[in-house]
């Protein structure tokens, strides 16, 4: 099973959509709130070079934004 991490903020609608999608597909994920967690924010920026959310990590692959087709491809959901 792939290791999934979602870097997000509480006010981001696309972050909510991404997390809901993982729940719907019964994919376990670790949620990181970068609005409060400075270490998570630092990790997100180091891995993605981005300040925008959501940033989704599937194993070592970084996806910026809620890119459903890329998520499906990496998790072999299609």
PDB file of N, CA and C in Angstrom:
ATOM      1  N   UNK A   1       0.847  -1.195   0.000  1.00  0.00           N
ATOM      2  CA  UNK A   1       0.000   0.000   0.000  1.00  0.00           C
ATOM      3  C   UNK A   1       0.882   1.244   0.000  1.00  0.00           C
ATOM      4  N   UNK A   2       0.533   2.191  -0.829  1.00  0.00           N
ATOM      5  CA  UNK A   2       1.312   3.427  -0.942  1.00  0.00           C
ATOM      6  C   UNK A   2       1.143   4.274   0.313  1.00  0.00           C
ATOM      7  N   UNK A   3       2.172   5.039   0.621  1.00  0.00           N
ATOM      8  CA  UNK A   3       2.106   5.968   1.743  1.00  0.00           C
ATOM      9  C   UNK A   3       1.618   7.311   1.192  1.00  0.00           C
ATOM     10  N   UNK A   4       0.501   7.785   1.719  1.00  0.00           N
ATOM     11  CA  UNK A   4      -0.118   9.013   1.215  1.00  0.00           C
ATOM     12  C   UNK A   4      -0.106  10.074   2.307  1.00  0.00           C
ATOM     13  N   UNK A   5       0.344  11.269   1.925  1.00  0.00           N
ATOM     14  CA  UNK A   5       0.368  12.418   2.834  1.00  0.00           C
ATOM     15  C   UNK A   5      -0.306  13.579   2.133  1.00  0.00           C
ATOM     16  N   UNK A   6      -1.186  14.282   2.853  1.00  0.00           N
ATOM     17  CA  UNK A   6      -1.866  15.448   2.285  1.00  0.00           C
ATOM     18  C   UNK A   6      -1.490  16.666   3.120  1.00  0.00           C
ATOM     19  N   UNK A   7      -0.801  17.607   2.498  1.00  0.00           N
ATOM     20  CA  UNK A   7      -0.467  18.875   3.146  1.00  0.00           C
ATOM     21  C   UNK A   7      -1.577  19.850   2.791  1.00  0.00           C
ATOM     22  N   UNK A   8      -2.231  20.424   3.806  1.00  0.00           N
ATOM     23  CA  UNK A   8      -3.397  21.254   3.533  1.00  0.00           C
ATOM     24  C   UNK A   8      -3.579  22.332   4.600  1.00  0.00           C
ATOM     25  N   UNK A   9      -4.585  23.179   4.363  1.00  0.00           N
ATOM     26  CA  UNK A   9      -5.012  24.164   5.369  1.00  0.00           C
ATOM     27  C   UNK A   9      -6.512  23.973   5.586  1.00  0.00           C
ATOM     28  N   UNK A  10      -7.015  24.404   6.743  1.00  0.00           N
ATOM     29  CA  UNK A  10      -8.444  24.201   7.040  1.00  0.00           C
ATOM     30  C   UNK A  10      -9.385  24.955   6.104  1.00  0.00           C
ATOM     31  N   UNK A  11      -8.919  26.038   5.486  1.00  0.00           N
ATOM     32  CA  UNK A  11      -9.808  26.868   4.663  1.00  0.00           C
ATOM     33  C   UNK A  11      -9.742  26.543   3.173  1.00  0.00           C
ATOM     34  N   UNK A  12      -8.973  25.543   2.794  1.00  0.00           N
ATOM     35  CA  UNK A  12      -8.751  25.230   1.374  1.00  0.00           C
ATOM     36  C   UNK A  12      -9.792  24.228   0.868  1.00  0.00           C
ATOM     37  N   UNK A  13     -10.679  24.659  -0.052  1.00  0.00           N
ATOM     38  CA  UNK A  13     -11.713  23.731  -0.549  1.00  0.00           C
ATOM     39  C   UNK A  13     -11.151  22.550  -1.339  1.00  0.00           C
ATOM     40  N   UNK A  14     -10.059  22.749  -2.075  1.00  0.00           N
ATOM     41  CA  UNK A  14      -9.465  21.640  -2.843  1.00  0.00           C
ATOM     42  C   UNK A  14      -8.801  20.624  -1.928  1.00  0.00           C
ATOM     43  N   UNK A  15      -8.317  21.089  -0.783  1.00  0.00           N
ATOM     44  CA  UNK A  15      -7.735  20.169   0.213  1.00  0.00           C
ATOM     45  C   UNK A  15      -8.831  19.248   0.737  1.00  0.00           C
ATOM     46  N   UNK A  16      -9.987  19.825   1.034  1.00  0.00           N
ATOM     47  CA  UNK A  16     -11.127  19.044   1.522  1.00  0.00           C
ATOM     48  C   UNK A  16     -11.558  18.038   0.470  1.00  0.00           C
ATOM     49  N   UNK A  17     -11.625  18.471  -0.793  1.00  0.00           N
ATOM     50  CA  UNK A  17     -12.001  17.558  -1.885  1.00  0.00           C
ATOM     51  C   UNK A  17     -11.016  16.393  -1.972  1.00  0.00           C
ATOM     52  N   UNK A  18      -9.729  16.685  -1.864  1.00  0.00           N
ATOM     53  CA  UNK A  18      -8.702  15.634  -1.944  1.00  0.00           C
ATOM     54  C   UNK A  18      -8.867  14.633  -0.802  1.00  0.00           C
ATOM     55  N   UNK A  19      -9.035  15.132   0.420  1.00  0.00           N
ATOM     56  CA  UNK A  19      -9.177  14.237   1.576  1.00  0.00           C
ATOM     57  C   UNK A  19     -10.464  13.422   1.477  1.00  0.00           C
ATOM     58  N   UNK A  20     -11.543  14.057   1.031  1.00  0.00           N
ATOM     59  CA  UNK A  20     -12.814  13.333   0.845  1.00  0.00           C
ATOM     60  C   UNK A  20     -12.659  12.231  -0.201  1.00  0.00           C
ATOM     61  N   UNK A  21     -11.900  12.524  -1.253  1.00  0.00           N
ATOM     62  CA  UNK A  21     -11.677  11.539  -2.312  1.00  0.00           C
ATOM     63  C   UNK A  21     -10.943  10.311  -1.762  1.00  0.00           C
ATOM     64  N   UNK A  22      -9.904  10.543  -0.952  1.00  0.00           N
ATOM     65  CA  UNK A  22      -9.164   9.428  -0.353  1.00  0.00           C
ATOM     66  C   UNK A  22     -10.073   8.615   0.571  1.00  0.00           C
ATOM     67  N   UNK A  23     -10.906   9.303   1.363  1.00  0.00           N
ATOM     68  CA  UNK A  23     -11.840   8.591   2.258  1.00  0.00           C
ATOM     69  C   UNK A  23     -12.830   7.756   1.445  1.00  0.00           C
ATOM     70  N   UNK A  24     -13.360   8.348   0.383  1.00  0.00           N
ATOM     71  CA  UNK A  24     -14.322   7.661  -0.486  1.00  0.00           C
ATOM     72  C   UNK A  24     -13.702   6.393  -1.095  1.00  0.00           C
ATOM     73  N   UNK A  25     -12.419   6.474  -1.464  1.00  0.00           N
ATOM     74  CA  UNK A  25     -11.721   5.338  -2.070  1.00  0.00           C
ATOM     75  C   UNK A  25     -11.099   4.415  -1.021  1.00  0.00           C
ATOM     76  N   UNK A  26     -11.333   4.729   0.255  1.00  0.00           N
ATOM     77  CA  UNK A  26     -10.797   3.950   1.390  1.00  0.00           C
ATOM     78  C   UNK A  26      -9.264   3.862   1.354  1.00  0.00           C
ATOM     79  N   UNK A  27      -8.646   4.994   1.027  1.00  0.00           N
ATOM     80  CA  UNK A  27      -7.182   5.101   1.009  1.00  0.00           C
ATOM     81  C   UNK A  27      -6.769   5.802   2.307  1.00  0.00           C
ATOM     82  N   UNK A  28      -5.938   5.141   3.078  1.00  0.00           N
ATOM     83  CA  UNK A  28      -5.450   5.777   4.306  1.00  0.00           C
ATOM     84  C   UNK A  28      -4.458   6.869   3.939  1.00  0.00           C
ATOM     85  N   UNK A  29      -4.534   7.994   4.666  1.00  0.00           N
ATOM     86  CA  UNK A  29      -3.603   9.090   4.411  1.00  0.00           C
ATOM     87  C   UNK A  29      -3.287   9.804   5.710  1.00  0.00           C
ATOM     88  N   UNK A  30      -2.161  10.486   5.697  1.00  0.00           N
ATOM     89  CA  UNK A  30      -1.754  11.312   6.830  1.00  0.00           C
ATOM     90  C   UNK A  30      -2.019  12.756   6.439  1.00  0.00           C
ATOM     91  N   UNK A  31      -2.821  13.443   7.235  1.00  0.00           N
ATOM     92  CA  UNK A  31      -3.148  14.841   6.947  1.00  0.00           C
ATOM     93  C   UNK A  31      -2.212  15.744   7.740  1.00  0.00           C
ATOM     94  N   UNK A  32      -1.632  16.708   7.056  1.00  0.00           N
ATOM     95  CA  UNK A  32      -0.734  17.674   7.703  1.00  0.00           C
ATOM     96  C   UNK A  32      -1.309  19.075   7.509  1.00  0.00           C
ATOM     97  N   UNK A  33      -1.611  19.745   8.611  1.00  0.00           N
ATOM     98  CA  UNK A  33      -2.156  21.103   8.555  1.00  0.00           C
ATOM     99  C   UNK A  33      -0.992  22.100   8.554  1.00  0.00           C
ATOM    100  N   UNK A  34      -0.671  22.620   7.364  1.00  0.00           N
ATOM    101  CA  UNK A  34       0.487  23.509   7.242  1.00  0.00           C
ATOM    102  C   UNK A  34       0.198  24.921   7.755  1.00  0.00           C
ATOM    103  N   UNK A  35      -1.056  25.213   8.089  1.00  0.00           N
ATOM    104  CA  UNK A  35      -1.379  26.509   8.691  1.00  0.00           C
ATOM    105  C   UNK A  35      -0.871  26.553  10.135  1.00  0.00           C
ATOM    106  N   UNK A  36      -0.846  25.387  10.799  1.00  0.00           N
ATOM    107  CA  UNK A  36      -0.430  25.338  12.209  1.00  0.00           C
ATOM    108  C   UNK A  36       0.905  24.632  12.425  1.00  0.00           C
ATOM    109  N   UNK A  37       1.221  23.677  11.579  1.00  0.00           N
ATOM    110  CA  UNK A  37       2.400  22.831  11.773  1.00  0.00           C
ATOM    111  C   UNK A  37       3.571  23.350  10.936  1.00  0.00           C
ATOM    112  N   UNK A  38       4.486  24.061  11.601  1.00  0.00           N
ATOM    113  CA  UNK A  38       5.611  24.675  10.884  1.00  0.00           C
ATOM    114  C   UNK A  38       6.546  23.642  10.280  1.00  0.00           C
ATOM    115  N   UNK A  39       6.741  22.516  10.967  1.00  0.00           N
ATOM    116  CA  UNK A  39       7.599  21.449  10.429  1.00  0.00           C
ATOM    117  C   UNK A  39       7.001  20.881   9.150  1.00  0.00           C
ATOM    118  N   UNK A  40       5.682  20.668   9.162  1.00  0.00           N
ATOM    119  CA  UNK A  40       4.996  20.140   7.974  1.00  0.00           C
ATOM    120  C   UNK A  40       5.104  21.137   6.825  1.00  0.00           C
ATOM    121  N   UNK A  41       4.959  22.435   7.132  1.00  0.00           N
ATOM    122  CA  UNK A  41       5.057  23.462   6.089  1.00  0.00           C
ATOM    123  C   UNK A  41       6.451  23.438   5.469  1.00  0.00           C
ATOM    124  N   UNK A  42       7.470  23.323   6.333  1.00  0.00           N
ATOM    125  CA  UNK A  42       8.850  23.276   5.857  1.00  0.00           C
ATOM    126  C   UNK A  42       9.059  22.046   4.957  1.00  0.00           C
ATOM    127  N   UNK A  43       8.553  20.894   5.393  1.00  0.00           N
ATOM    128  CA  UNK A  43       8.674  19.655   4.607  1.00  0.00           C
ATOM    129  C   UNK A  43       7.978  19.803   3.254  1.00  0.00           C
ATOM    130  N   UNK A  44       6.778  20.400   3.256  1.00  0.00           N
ATOM    131  CA  UNK A  44       6.009  20.583   2.028  1.00  0.00           C
ATOM    132  C   UNK A  44       6.781  21.450   1.025  1.00  0.00           C
ATOM    133  N   UNK A  45       7.328  22.562   1.497  1.00  0.00           N
ATOM    134  CA  UNK A  45       8.059  23.481   0.617  1.00  0.00           C
ATOM    135  C   UNK A  45       9.342  22.822   0.105  1.00  0.00           C
ATOM    136  N   UNK A  46      10.043  22.074   0.972  1.00  0.00           N
ATOM    137  CA  UNK A  46      11.266  21.376   0.546  1.00  0.00           C
ATOM    138  C   UNK A  46      10.961  20.349  -0.540  1.00  0.00           C
ATOM    139  N   UNK A  47       9.881  19.595  -0.373  1.00  0.00           N
ATOM    140  CA  UNK A  47       9.559  18.514  -1.312  1.00  0.00           C
ATOM    141  C   UNK A  47       8.954  19.033  -2.611  1.00  0.00           C
ATOM    142  N   UNK A  48       8.141  20.104  -2.525  1.00  0.00           N
ATOM    143  CA  UNK A  48       7.379  20.545  -3.697  1.00  0.00           C
ATOM    144  C   UNK A  48       7.857  21.863  -4.295  1.00  0.00           C
ATOM    145  N   UNK A  49       8.565  22.667  -3.496  1.00  0.00           N
ATOM    146  CA  UNK A  49       8.942  24.002  -3.947  1.00  0.00           C
ATOM    147  C   UNK A  49       7.736  24.940  -3.999  1.00  0.00           C
ATOM    148  N   UNK A  50       6.629  24.529  -3.398  1.00  0.00           N
ATOM    149  CA  UNK A  50       5.370  25.281  -3.464  1.00  0.00           C
ATOM    150  C   UNK A  50       4.904  25.734  -2.089  1.00  0.00           C
ATOM    151  N   UNK A  51       4.201  26.861  -2.071  1.00  0.00           N
ATOM    152  CA  UNK A  51       3.526  27.301  -0.844  1.00  0.00           C
ATOM    153  C   UNK A  51       2.025  27.025  -0.956  1.00  0.00           C
ATOM    154  N   UNK A  52       1.546  26.757  -2.186  1.00  0.00           N
ATOM    155  CA  UNK A  52       0.125  26.502  -2.394  1.00  0.00           C
ATOM    156  C   UNK A  52      -0.271  25.116  -1.916  1.00  0.00           C
ATOM    157  N   UNK A  53      -1.521  24.976  -1.513  1.00  0.00           N
ATOM    158  CA  UNK A  53      -2.046  23.684  -1.079  1.00  0.00           C
ATOM    159  C   UNK A  53      -3.246  23.314  -1.947  1.00  0.00           C
ATOM    160  N   UNK A  54      -3.622  22.070  -2.030  1.00  0.00           N
ATOM    161  CA  UNK A  54      -2.968  20.932  -1.384  1.00  0.00           C
ATOM    162  C   UNK A  54      -1.708  20.480  -2.126  1.00  0.00           C
ATOM    163  N   UNK A  55      -0.791  19.924  -1.341  1.00  0.00           N
ATOM    164  CA  UNK A  55       0.330  19.181  -1.900  1.00  0.00           C
ATOM    165  C   UNK A  55       0.124  17.755  -1.406  1.00  0.00           C
ATOM    166  N   UNK A  56       0.089  16.823  -2.347  1.00  0.00           N
ATOM    167  CA  UNK A  56      -0.167  15.429  -2.008  1.00  0.00           C
ATOM    168  C   UNK A  56       1.083  14.635  -2.342  1.00  0.00           C
ATOM    169  N   UNK A  57       1.534  13.840  -1.386  1.00  0.00           N
ATOM    170  CA  UNK A  57       2.674  12.960  -1.625  1.00  0.00           C
ATOM    171  C   UNK A  57       2.191  11.524  -1.610  1.00  0.00           C
ATOM    172  N   UNK A  58       2.487  10.809  -2.677  1.00  0.00           N
ATOM    173  CA  UNK A  58       2.193   9.383  -2.748  1.00  0.00           C
ATOM    174  C   UNK A  58       3.540   8.701  -2.914  1.00  0.00           C
ATOM    175  N   UNK A  59       3.975   8.030  -1.843  1.00  0.00           N
ATOM    176  CA  UNK A  59       5.347   7.530  -1.739  1.00  0.00           C
ATOM    177  C   UNK A  59       6.281   8.721  -1.972  1.00  0.00           C
ATOM    178  N   UNK A  60       7.104   8.705  -3.033  1.00  0.00           N
ATOM    179  CA  UNK A  60       8.034   9.817  -3.268  1.00  0.00           C
ATOM    180  C   UNK A  60       7.550  10.773  -4.348  1.00  0.00           C
ATOM    181  N   UNK A  61       6.360  10.533  -4.886  1.00  0.00           N
ATOM    182  CA  UNK A  61       5.809  11.393  -5.939  1.00  0.00           C
ATOM    183  C   UNK A  61       5.074  12.581  -5.312  1.00  0.00           C
ATOM    184  N   UNK A  62       5.331  13.773  -5.851  1.00  0.00           N
ATOM    185  CA  UNK A  62       4.683  14.983  -5.352  1.00  0.00           C
ATOM    186  C   UNK A  62       3.647  15.450  -6.371  1.00  0.00           C
ATOM    187  N   UNK A  63       2.428  15.673  -5.895  1.00  0.00           N
ATOM    188  CA  UNK A  63       1.359  16.207  -6.743  1.00  0.00           C
ATOM    189  C   UNK A  63       0.943  17.541  -6.137  1.00  0.00           C
ATOM    190  N   UNK A  64       0.998  18.579  -6.941  1.00  0.00           N
ATOM    191  CA  UNK A  64       0.575  19.897  -6.470  1.00  0.00           C
ATOM    192  C   UNK A  64      -0.854  20.114  -6.965  1.00  0.00           C
ATOM    193  N   UNK A  65      -1.758  20.346  -6.033  1.00  0.00           N
ATOM    194  CA  UNK A  65      -3.169  20.497  -6.381  1.00  0.00           C
ATOM    195  C   UNK A  65      -3.876  19.149  -6.347  1.00  0.00           C
ATOM    196  N   UNK A  66      -5.184  19.175  -6.533  1.00  0.00           N
ATOM    197  CA  UNK A  66      -5.980  17.942  -6.530  1.00  0.00           C
ATOM    198  C   UNK A  66      -6.089  17.431  -7.956  1.00  0.00           C
ATOM    199  N   UNK A  67      -5.098  16.639  -8.342  1.00  0.00           N
ATOM    200  CA  UNK A  67      -5.023  16.084  -9.700  1.00  0.00           C
ATOM    201  C   UNK A  67      -5.488  14.627  -9.632  1.00  0.00           C
ATOM    202  N   UNK A  68      -6.813  14.451  -9.813  1.00  0.00           N
ATOM    203  CA  UNK A  68      -7.422  13.138  -9.629  1.00  0.00           C
ATOM    204  C   UNK A  68      -6.828  12.081 -10.559  1.00  0.00           C
ATOM    205  N   UNK A  69      -6.581  12.431 -11.819  1.00  0.00           N
ATOM    206  CA  UNK A  69      -6.049  11.429 -12.751  1.00  0.00           C
ATOM    207  C   UNK A  69      -4.645  10.978 -12.333  1.00  0.00           C
ATOM    208  N   UNK A  70      -3.834  11.899 -11.851  1.00  0.00           N
ATOM    209  CA  UNK A  70      -2.483  11.550 -11.386  1.00  0.00           C
ATOM    210  C   UNK A  70      -2.562  10.685 -10.119  1.00  0.00           C
ATOM    211  N   UNK A  71      -3.480  11.031  -9.218  1.00  0.00           N
ATOM    212  CA  UNK A  71      -3.671  10.241  -7.990  1.00  0.00           C
ATOM    213  C   UNK A  71      -4.106   8.822  -8.370  1.00  0.00           C
ATOM    214  N   UNK A  72      -5.091   8.717  -9.260  1.00  0.00           N
ATOM    215  CA  UNK A  72      -5.592   7.409  -9.684  1.00  0.00           C
ATOM    216  C   UNK A  72      -4.469   6.574 -10.324  1.00  0.00           C
ATOM    217  N   UNK A  73      -3.653   7.254 -11.135  1.00  0.00           N
ATOM    218  CA  UNK A  73      -2.551   6.572 -11.818  1.00  0.00           C
ATOM    219  C   UNK A  73      -1.554   6.021 -10.793  1.00  0.00           C
ATOM    220  N   UNK A  74      -1.147   6.861  -9.836  1.00  0.00           N
ATOM    221  CA  UNK A  74      -0.144   6.448  -8.853  1.00  0.00           C
ATOM    222  C   UNK A  74      -0.677   5.379  -7.905  1.00  0.00           C
ATOM    223  N   UNK A  75      -1.962   5.441  -7.576  1.00  0.00           N
ATOM    224  CA  UNK A  75      -2.557   4.463  -6.673  1.00  0.00           C
ATOM    225  C   UNK A  75      -3.191   3.289  -7.425  1.00  0.00           C
ATOM    226  N   UNK A  76      -3.038   3.316  -8.751  1.00  0.00           N
ATOM    227  CA  UNK A  76      -3.589   2.261  -9.621  1.00  0.00           C
ATOM    228  C   UNK A  76      -5.092   2.068  -9.366  1.00  0.00           C
ATOM    229  N   UNK A  77      -5.827   3.188  -9.376  1.00  0.00           N
ATOM    230  CA  UNK A  77      -7.266   3.148  -9.130  1.00  0.00           C
ATOM    231  C   UNK A  77      -8.081   3.101 -10.416  1.00  0.00           C
ATOM    232  N   UNK A  78      -7.452   3.402 -11.555  1.00  0.00           N
ATOM    233  CA  UNK A  78      -8.229   3.449 -12.791  1.00  0.00           C
ATOM    234  C   UNK A  78      -8.402   2.090 -13.433  1.00  0.00           C
TER     235      UNK A  78
END
